[in-house]
């Protein structure tokens, strides 16, 4: 046996192993293609719903300027919460628990909006800086809801740009895990 025979034999074995690996990988992709297509459609619908929350971004900007957001923000957030509650079990990524974190932050923002829009029962309406106080209370809740929605949007965009393993997808949405959530202090 000369050196050429040994090198060609090793090269042949490596190429055979590579071919087997590619065959197994292609078979796995073919088996899960219908599931991935269904998930892609769900992700596109979720992304469209989340992108339609432009009023939330404006509301956070208005709150930073000292203006209370209007009722369309409340209606949009309520509609998004209803949609997420109905569809949370269908998604592979983000997981149901991660979507529940988003629903919880949206619920907190809706509760804070309801308190801010509630008419006062005493003379507090005549205090000149009452809207500023309401904005300061409302700001962290709206920012949390916007941040959670942005985490989901960024993760969905990364998945659409480049197909990736489940582990990498889990890392994209790690900010939505219950362990990484910090309570809002007002």
Protein backbone atom coordinates (compact mmCIF):
# COMPACT_ATOMS: atom_id res chain seq x y z
CA UNK A 1 0.00 0.00 0.00
CA UNK A 2 1.31 3.29 -0.99
CA UNK A 3 0.46 6.72 0.41
CA UNK A 4 -1.95 7.53 -2.43
CA UNK A 5 -4.09 4.46 -1.67
CA UNK A 6 -4.28 5.34 2.02
CA UNK A 7 -5.20 8.98 1.34
CA UNK A 8 -7.85 8.06 -1.23
CA UNK A 9 -9.33 5.43 1.12
CA UNK A 10 -9.57 7.91 4.00
CA UNK A 11 -11.00 10.56 1.68
CA UNK A 12 -13.57 8.04 0.42
CA UNK A 13 -14.61 7.16 3.96
CA UNK A 14 -14.95 10.83 4.91
CA UNK A 15 -17.02 11.57 1.81
CA UNK A 16 -19.24 8.54 2.49
CA UNK A 17 -19.86 9.71 6.06
CA UNK A 18 -20.62 13.22 4.81
CA UNK A 19 -23.06 11.82 2.22
CA UNK A 20 -24.83 9.73 4.85
CA UNK A 21 -25.11 12.76 7.15
CA UNK A 22 -26.57 14.89 4.33
CA UNK A 23 -29.07 12.16 3.47
CA UNK A 24 -30.24 11.90 7.08
CA UNK A 25 -30.50 15.69 7.35
CA UNK A 26 -32.47 15.96 4.09
CA UNK A 27 -34.81 13.21 5.27
CA UNK A 28 -35.41 15.06 8.55
CA UNK A 29 -36.10 18.32 6.72
CA UNK A 30 -38.50 16.57 4.33
CA UNK A 31 -40.42 15.00 7.21
CA UNK A 32 -40.86 18.27 9.07
CA UNK A 33 -41.46 20.48 6.02
CA UNK A 34 -45.25 20.54 6.39
CA UNK A 35 -44.95 21.44 10.08
CA UNK A 36 -42.41 24.17 9.32
CA UNK A 37 -44.69 25.62 6.62
CA UNK A 38 -47.58 25.76 9.07
CA UNK A 39 -45.37 27.41 11.68
CA UNK A 40 -44.12 29.89 9.08
CA UNK A 41 -47.69 30.90 8.27
CA UNK A 42 -48.50 31.31 11.97
CA UNK A 43 -45.32 33.33 12.53
CA UNK A 44 -46.17 35.63 9.60
CA UNK A 45 -49.66 36.21 10.98
CA UNK A 46 -48.27 36.90 14.47
CA UNK A 47 -45.68 39.27 13.04
CA UNK A 48 -48.38 41.16 11.13
CA UNK A 49 -50.48 41.46 14.30
CA UNK A 50 -47.51 42.70 16.33
CA UNK A 51 -46.43 45.17 13.64
CA UNK A 52 -49.92 46.67 13.71
CA UNK A 53 -49.23 47.91 17.25
CA UNK A 54 -47.83 51.22 15.99
CA UNK A 55 -50.14 53.09 18.35
CA UNK A 56 -48.30 51.58 21.31
CA UNK A 57 -45.03 53.13 20.14
CA UNK A 58 -46.75 56.49 19.77
CA UNK A 59 -48.38 56.07 23.17
CA UNK A 60 -45.00 55.52 24.84
CA UNK A 61 -43.66 58.62 23.09
CA UNK A 62 -46.72 60.62 24.19
CA UNK A 63 -46.37 59.41 27.77
CA UNK A 64 -42.73 60.52 27.72
CA UNK A 65 -43.97 63.98 26.69
CA UNK A 66 -46.59 64.01 29.46
CA UNK A 67 -49.67 63.20 27.36
CA UNK A 68 -52.02 60.33 28.17
CA UNK A 69 -52.70 57.91 25.29
CA UNK A 70 -56.17 57.59 23.86
CA UNK A 71 -58.61 54.70 23.80
CA UNK A 72 -57.47 53.27 20.39
CA UNK A 73 -54.28 52.10 22.12
CA UNK A 74 -56.39 50.29 24.67
CA UNK A 75 -58.53 48.70 21.94
CA UNK A 76 -55.46 47.56 19.96
CA UNK A 77 -53.81 46.03 23.01
CA UNK A 78 -57.03 44.27 24.01
CA UNK A 79 -57.41 42.86 20.50
CA UNK A 80 -53.79 41.63 20.55
CA UNK A 81 -54.27 40.04 23.97
CA UNK A 82 -57.39 38.23 22.74
CA UNK A 83 -55.55 36.98 19.65
CA UNK A 84 -52.57 35.74 21.68
CA UNK A 85 -54.84 33.98 24.18
CA UNK A 86 -56.58 32.17 21.34
CA UNK A 87 -53.42 31.16 19.44
CA UNK A 88 -50.79 30.66 22.16
CA UNK A 89 -50.98 26.85 22.06
CA UNK A 90 -50.29 26.67 18.31
CA UNK A 91 -46.78 28.12 18.29
CA UNK A 92 -43.63 26.09 18.63
CA UNK A 93 -41.53 29.23 19.13
CA UNK A 94 -42.17 31.41 21.08
CA UNK A 95 -43.45 28.85 23.55
CA UNK A 96 -46.80 29.03 25.27
CA UNK A 97 -45.18 30.20 28.51
CA UNK A 98 -43.32 32.98 26.69
CA UNK A 99 -46.51 34.13 24.99
CA UNK A 100 -48.21 34.12 28.40
CA UNK A 101 -45.50 36.51 29.62
CA UNK A 102 -46.36 38.85 26.72
CA UNK A 103 -50.07 38.50 27.52
CA UNK A 104 -49.34 39.32 31.17
CA UNK A 105 -47.39 42.46 30.26
CA UNK A 106 -50.17 43.55 27.89
CA UNK A 107 -52.70 42.92 30.67
CA UNK A 108 -50.64 45.05 33.04
CA UNK A 109 -50.50 47.85 30.48
CA UNK A 110 -54.27 47.62 29.97
CA UNK A 111 -54.88 47.78 33.71
CA UNK A 112 -52.61 50.82 34.02
CA UNK A 113 -54.40 52.46 31.08
CA UNK A 114 -57.77 51.80 32.71
CA UNK A 115 -56.57 53.43 35.93
CA UNK A 116 -55.16 56.41 34.02
CA UNK A 117 -58.39 56.90 32.05
CA UNK A 118 -60.66 56.47 35.06
CA UNK A 119 -62.28 59.76 36.04
CA UNK A 120 -61.28 60.94 39.51
CA UNK A 121 -63.86 60.81 42.28
CA UNK A 122 -62.57 63.83 44.13
CA UNK A 123 -60.92 67.16 43.36
CA UNK A 124 -57.76 65.47 42.05
CA UNK A 125 -58.76 66.46 38.51
CA UNK A 126 -58.03 70.07 39.38
CA UNK A 127 -54.44 69.41 40.43
CA UNK A 128 -52.31 70.87 37.62
CA UNK A 129 -49.83 68.00 37.38
CA UNK A 130 -52.24 65.04 37.74
CA UNK A 131 -51.67 63.96 34.12
CA UNK A 132 -47.93 63.98 34.70
CA UNK A 133 -48.38 61.71 37.72
CA UNK A 134 -50.58 59.37 35.70
CA UNK A 135 -47.98 59.33 32.91
CA UNK A 136 -45.22 58.46 35.36
CA UNK A 137 -47.29 55.56 36.68
CA UNK A 138 -48.28 54.41 33.19
CA UNK A 139 -44.85 54.66 31.54
CA UNK A 140 -43.20 51.47 32.91
CA UNK A 141 -46.21 49.33 32.02
CA UNK A 142 -46.36 50.55 28.43
CA UNK A 143 -42.58 50.28 28.03
CA UNK A 144 -42.65 46.70 29.34
CA UNK A 145 -45.39 45.72 26.90
CA UNK A 146 -43.50 47.37 24.04
CA UNK A 147 -40.23 45.68 25.04
CA UNK A 148 -41.86 42.23 25.18
CA UNK A 149 -43.51 42.77 21.80
CA UNK A 150 -40.15 43.88 20.37
CA UNK A 151 -38.47 40.71 21.68
CA UNK A 152 -41.05 38.61 19.85
CA UNK A 153 -40.74 40.70 16.68
CA UNK A 154 -36.94 40.49 16.69
CA UNK A 155 -37.04 36.74 17.24
CA UNK A 156 -39.57 36.20 14.45
CA UNK A 157 -37.51 38.33 12.08
CA UNK A 158 -34.36 36.34 12.87
CA UNK A 159 -36.17 33.03 12.27
CA UNK A 160 -37.53 34.27 8.94
CA UNK A 161 -34.11 35.50 7.82
CA UNK A 162 -32.28 32.29 8.58
CA UNK A 163 -33.69 28.87 9.48
CA UNK A 164 -32.20 27.72 12.76
CA UNK A 165 -32.34 24.92 15.27
CA UNK A 166 -34.81 24.87 18.12
CA UNK A 167 -32.04 25.62 20.63
CA UNK A 168 -31.09 28.81 18.82
CA UNK A 169 -34.76 29.78 18.61
CA UNK A 170 -35.10 29.29 22.36
CA UNK A 171 -32.17 31.65 22.91
CA UNK A 172 -33.88 34.30 20.77
CA UNK A 173 -36.86 34.42 23.11
CA UNK A 174 -34.92 33.94 26.38
CA UNK A 175 -35.86 37.44 27.55
CA UNK A 176 -39.48 36.25 27.77
CA UNK A 177 -38.75 33.44 30.24
CA UNK A 178 -40.39 33.81 33.63
CA UNK A 179 -37.01 33.66 35.37
CA UNK A 180 -35.71 36.70 33.50
CA UNK A 181 -38.74 38.91 34.21
CA UNK A 182 -38.33 41.74 36.68
CA UNK A 183 -41.35 43.13 38.51
CA UNK A 184 -42.37 46.70 37.79
CA UNK A 185 -42.01 49.04 40.75
CA UNK A 186 -43.99 52.24 40.66
